[in-house]
Amino acid sequence: MATNPDSTAPLSTVKKENITPIASNIASKIAELNETRSELLGRIQSLKQDLQGRRSKFDSEVKVYREVSDDQCFFLFSIYFDSL
């Protein structure tokens, strides 16, 4: 079984010219990932705020619905008991 001499060479024998493009590529990928991460965090914050606003609006609507329902029930009960 033949082995690739580059894969078995000690790290100290690898030429600097071969490492520089790899390091540059890695650095650009890290920068790209950091940018993507920042964008995703911004989108998450925006979605959280949107959800909080929707939840608040929904809570207000439920409160109004309950108040109207309570008033209607009270009205119906008063009509029923007045008829007795």
N, C-alpha and C. Protein backbone atom coordinates (compact mmCIF):
# COMPACT_ATOMS: atom_id res chain seq x y z
N MET A 1 0.84 -1.17 0.00
CA MET A 1 0.00 0.00 0.00
C MET A 1 0.89 1.23 0.00
N ALA A 2 0.72 2.08 -0.99
CA ALA A 2 1.56 3.28 -1.11
C ALA A 2 0.94 4.40 -0.30
N THR A 3 1.79 5.19 0.34
CA THR A 3 1.30 6.33 1.10
C THR A 3 1.75 7.60 0.42
N ASN A 4 0.96 8.61 0.57
CA ASN A 4 1.27 9.91 0.01
C ASN A 4 2.37 10.53 0.85
N PRO A 5 3.49 10.89 0.27
CA PRO A 5 4.58 11.45 1.07
C PRO A 5 4.21 12.77 1.72
N ASP A 6 3.30 13.54 1.12
CA ASP A 6 2.90 14.81 1.73
C ASP A 6 2.10 14.59 3.01
N SER A 7 1.33 13.50 3.08
CA SER A 7 0.49 13.27 4.25
C SER A 7 1.30 12.74 5.43
N THR A 8 2.47 12.18 5.15
CA THR A 8 3.28 11.64 6.24
C THR A 8 4.43 12.56 6.61
N ALA A 9 4.60 13.65 5.89
CA ALA A 9 5.69 14.58 6.18
C ALA A 9 5.39 15.35 7.45
N PRO A 10 6.41 15.58 8.27
CA PRO A 10 6.20 16.37 9.48
C PRO A 10 5.76 17.79 9.11
N LEU A 11 5.02 18.41 10.00
CA LEU A 11 4.49 19.74 9.76
C LEU A 11 5.62 20.74 9.51
N SER A 12 6.74 20.56 10.16
CA SER A 12 7.85 21.51 10.00
C SER A 12 8.45 21.48 8.61
N THR A 13 8.23 20.42 7.87
CA THR A 13 8.81 20.32 6.53
C THR A 13 7.86 20.84 5.45
N VAL A 14 6.60 21.14 5.81
CA VAL A 14 5.65 21.68 4.85
C VAL A 14 6.06 23.11 4.53
N LYS A 15 6.08 23.43 3.25
CA LYS A 15 6.53 24.74 2.81
C LYS A 15 5.54 25.83 3.23
N LYS A 16 6.09 26.97 3.60
CA LYS A 16 5.28 28.10 4.03
C LYS A 16 4.34 28.55 2.92
N GLU A 17 4.78 28.45 1.67
CA GLU A 17 3.94 28.87 0.54
C GLU A 17 2.67 28.03 0.46
N ASN A 18 2.74 26.78 0.88
CA ASN A 18 1.57 25.90 0.83
C ASN A 18 0.59 26.23 1.95
N ILE A 19 1.08 26.74 3.06
CA ILE A 19 0.22 27.02 4.22
C ILE A 19 -0.49 28.36 4.07
N THR A 20 0.16 29.34 3.48
CA THR A 20 -0.41 30.68 3.38
C THR A 20 -1.76 30.71 2.67
N PRO A 21 -1.94 30.09 1.51
CA PRO A 21 -3.26 30.12 0.88
C PRO A 21 -4.32 29.41 1.72
N ILE A 22 -3.92 28.35 2.38
CA ILE A 22 -4.87 27.62 3.24
C ILE A 22 -5.30 28.50 4.40
N ALA A 23 -4.35 29.15 5.04
CA ALA A 23 -4.65 30.03 6.17
C ALA A 23 -5.53 31.20 5.72
N SER A 24 -5.23 31.73 4.55
CA SER A 24 -6.03 32.83 4.02
C SER A 24 -7.45 32.37 3.74
N ASN A 25 -7.59 31.18 3.19
CA ASN A 25 -8.90 30.61 2.91
C ASN A 25 -9.68 30.38 4.21
N ILE A 26 -9.00 29.87 5.20
CA ILE A 26 -9.65 29.63 6.50
C ILE A 26 -10.09 30.95 7.12
N ALA A 27 -9.23 31.97 7.05
CA ALA A 27 -9.57 33.27 7.61
C ALA A 27 -10.78 33.88 6.91
N SER A 28 -10.85 33.74 5.58
CA SER A 28 -12.00 34.28 4.86
C SER A 28 -13.27 33.52 5.20
N LYS A 29 -13.16 32.20 5.37
CA LYS A 29 -14.34 31.40 5.76
C LYS A 29 -14.82 31.79 7.16
N ILE A 30 -13.88 32.03 8.08
CA ILE A 30 -14.25 32.45 9.43
C ILE A 30 -14.95 33.81 9.39
N ALA A 31 -14.42 34.74 8.60
CA ALA A 31 -15.04 36.06 8.46
C ALA A 31 -16.45 35.92 7.88
N GLU A 32 -16.60 35.05 6.89
CA GLU A 32 -17.91 34.82 6.29
C GLU A 32 -18.88 34.23 7.31
N LEU A 33 -18.42 33.29 8.09
CA LEU A 33 -19.27 32.68 9.12
C LEU A 33 -19.66 33.70 10.18
N ASN A 34 -18.72 34.56 10.57
CA ASN A 34 -19.04 35.60 11.55
C ASN A 34 -20.09 36.57 11.02
N GLU A 35 -19.98 36.92 9.74
CA GLU A 35 -20.96 37.81 9.13
C GLU A 35 -22.33 37.15 9.09
N THR A 36 -22.35 35.89 8.67
CA THR A 36 -23.61 35.14 8.63
C THR A 36 -24.21 35.02 10.02
N ARG A 37 -23.37 34.78 11.00
CA ARG A 37 -23.83 34.66 12.39
C ARG A 37 -24.48 35.97 12.84
N SER A 38 -23.84 37.08 12.52
CA SER A 38 -24.39 38.39 12.89
C SER A 38 -25.74 38.62 12.22
N GLU A 39 -25.84 38.27 10.94
CA GLU A 39 -27.11 38.42 10.23
C GLU A 39 -28.19 37.56 10.86
N LEU A 40 -27.86 36.33 11.20
CA LEU A 40 -28.84 35.42 11.81
C LEU A 40 -29.28 35.93 13.18
N LEU A 41 -28.34 36.44 13.97
CA LEU A 41 -28.70 36.98 15.28
C LEU A 41 -29.63 38.18 15.13
N GLY A 42 -29.37 39.01 14.13
CA GLY A 42 -30.26 40.15 13.86
C GLY A 42 -31.65 39.69 13.47
N ARG A 43 -31.72 38.68 12.64
CA ARG A 43 -33.03 38.15 12.22
C ARG A 43 -33.77 37.53 13.41
N ILE A 44 -33.04 36.84 14.26
CA ILE A 44 -33.66 36.23 15.45
C ILE A 44 -34.22 37.31 16.36
N GLN A 45 -33.44 38.39 16.58
CA GLN A 45 -33.91 39.48 17.43
C GLN A 45 -35.18 40.10 16.83
N SER A 46 -35.19 40.29 15.52
CA SER A 46 -36.35 40.85 14.85
C SER A 46 -37.57 39.94 15.01
N LEU A 47 -37.36 38.64 14.85
CA LEU A 47 -38.46 37.69 15.02
C LEU A 47 -38.97 37.66 16.45
N LYS A 48 -38.05 37.77 17.41
CA LYS A 48 -38.47 37.82 18.82
C LYS A 48 -39.34 39.04 19.09
N GLN A 49 -38.93 40.19 18.55
CA GLN A 49 -39.72 41.41 18.74
C GLN A 49 -41.07 41.29 18.07
N ASP A 50 -41.10 40.72 16.88
CA ASP A 50 -42.36 40.52 16.18
C ASP A 50 -43.29 39.60 16.97
N LEU A 51 -42.72 38.52 17.48
CA LEU A 51 -43.52 37.58 18.27
C LEU A 51 -44.05 38.25 19.54
N GLN A 52 -43.20 39.04 20.19
CA GLN A 52 -43.63 39.73 21.41
C GLN A 52 -44.78 40.69 21.09
N GLY A 53 -44.69 41.40 19.97
CA GLY A 53 -45.77 42.30 19.58
C GLY A 53 -47.06 41.56 19.28
N ARG A 54 -46.93 40.44 18.57
CA ARG A 54 -48.12 39.63 18.27
C ARG A 54 -48.75 39.06 19.54
N ARG A 55 -47.88 38.62 20.46
CA ARG A 55 -48.38 38.06 21.72
C ARG A 55 -49.13 39.13 22.51
N SER A 56 -48.57 40.33 22.55
CA SER A 56 -49.20 41.43 23.27
C SER A 56 -50.57 41.77 22.65
N LYS A 57 -50.61 41.84 21.31
CA LYS A 57 -51.86 42.12 20.63
C LYS A 57 -52.88 41.02 20.90
N PHE A 58 -52.45 39.78 20.84
CA PHE A 58 -53.34 38.65 21.11
C PHE A 58 -53.88 38.70 22.54
N ASP A 59 -53.00 39.00 23.51
CA ASP A 59 -53.44 39.11 24.91
C ASP A 59 -54.50 40.20 25.07
N SER A 60 -54.31 41.33 24.37
CA SER A 60 -55.30 42.41 24.43
C SER A 60 -56.62 41.96 23.84
N GLU A 61 -56.56 41.26 22.72
CA GLU A 61 -57.80 40.78 22.09
C GLU A 61 -58.52 39.78 22.98
N VAL A 62 -57.79 38.91 23.64
CA VAL A 62 -58.40 37.94 24.55
C VAL A 62 -59.05 38.65 25.73
N LYS A 63 -58.37 39.66 26.25
CA LYS A 63 -58.92 40.42 27.38
C LYS A 63 -60.24 41.07 26.98
N VAL A 64 -60.28 41.70 25.80
CA VAL A 64 -61.51 42.33 25.32
C VAL A 64 -62.60 41.29 25.12
N TYR A 65 -62.25 40.17 24.53
CA TYR A 65 -63.22 39.10 24.31
C TYR A 65 -63.81 38.62 25.64
N ARG A 66 -62.96 38.44 26.62
CA ARG A 66 -63.45 37.98 27.94
C ARG A 66 -64.37 39.02 28.57
N GLU A 67 -63.99 40.29 28.46
CA GLU A 67 -64.84 41.34 29.04
C GLU A 67 -66.20 41.37 28.36
N VAL A 68 -66.21 41.27 27.03
CA VAL A 68 -67.48 41.27 26.29
C VAL A 68 -68.28 40.03 26.65
N SER A 69 -67.63 38.88 26.74
CA SER A 69 -68.33 37.65 27.09
C SER A 69 -68.92 37.73 28.49
N ASP A 70 -68.16 38.27 29.43
CA ASP A 70 -68.67 38.42 30.79
C ASP A 70 -69.87 39.35 30.83
N ASP A 71 -69.79 40.45 30.08
CA ASP A 71 -70.91 41.40 30.03
C ASP A 71 -72.15 40.74 29.41
N GLN A 72 -71.96 39.98 28.36
CA GLN A 72 -73.08 39.31 27.71
C GLN A 72 -73.69 38.26 28.63
N CYS A 73 -72.86 37.52 29.33
CA CYS A 73 -73.38 36.51 30.26
C CYS A 73 -74.17 37.18 31.38
N PHE A 74 -73.62 38.26 31.91
CA PHE A 74 -74.32 38.98 32.97
C PHE A 74 -75.67 39.47 32.46
N PHE A 75 -75.68 40.01 31.25
CA PHE A 75 -76.92 40.52 30.66
C PHE A 75 -77.93 39.38 30.48
N LEU A 76 -77.48 38.25 29.96
CA LEU A 76 -78.39 37.12 29.74
C LEU A 76 -78.92 36.57 31.06
N PHE A 77 -78.06 36.48 32.06
CA PHE A 77 -78.52 36.00 33.37
C PHE A 77 -79.51 36.98 33.99
N SER A 78 -79.27 38.26 33.82
CA SER A 78 -80.20 39.25 34.41
C SER A 78 -81.56 39.16 33.73
N ILE A 79 -81.58 38.94 32.42
CA ILE A 79 -82.86 38.78 31.72
C ILE A 79 -83.56 37.51 32.22
N TYR A 80 -82.81 36.45 32.36
CA TYR A 80 -83.40 35.18 32.80
C TYR A 80 -83.97 35.31 34.22
N PHE A 81 -83.20 35.88 35.12
CA PHE A 81 -83.67 35.99 36.51
C PHE A 81 -84.79 37.00 36.67
N ASP A 82 -84.81 38.03 35.81
CA ASP A 82 -85.90 39.00 35.87
C ASP A 82 -87.21 38.38 35.41
N SER A 83 -87.11 37.36 34.55
CA SER A 83 -88.32 36.73 34.05
C SER A 83 -88.91 35.73 35.04
N LEU A 84 -88.18 35.38 36.07
CA LEU A 84 -88.69 34.40 37.04
C LEU A 84 -89.69 34.97 37.96
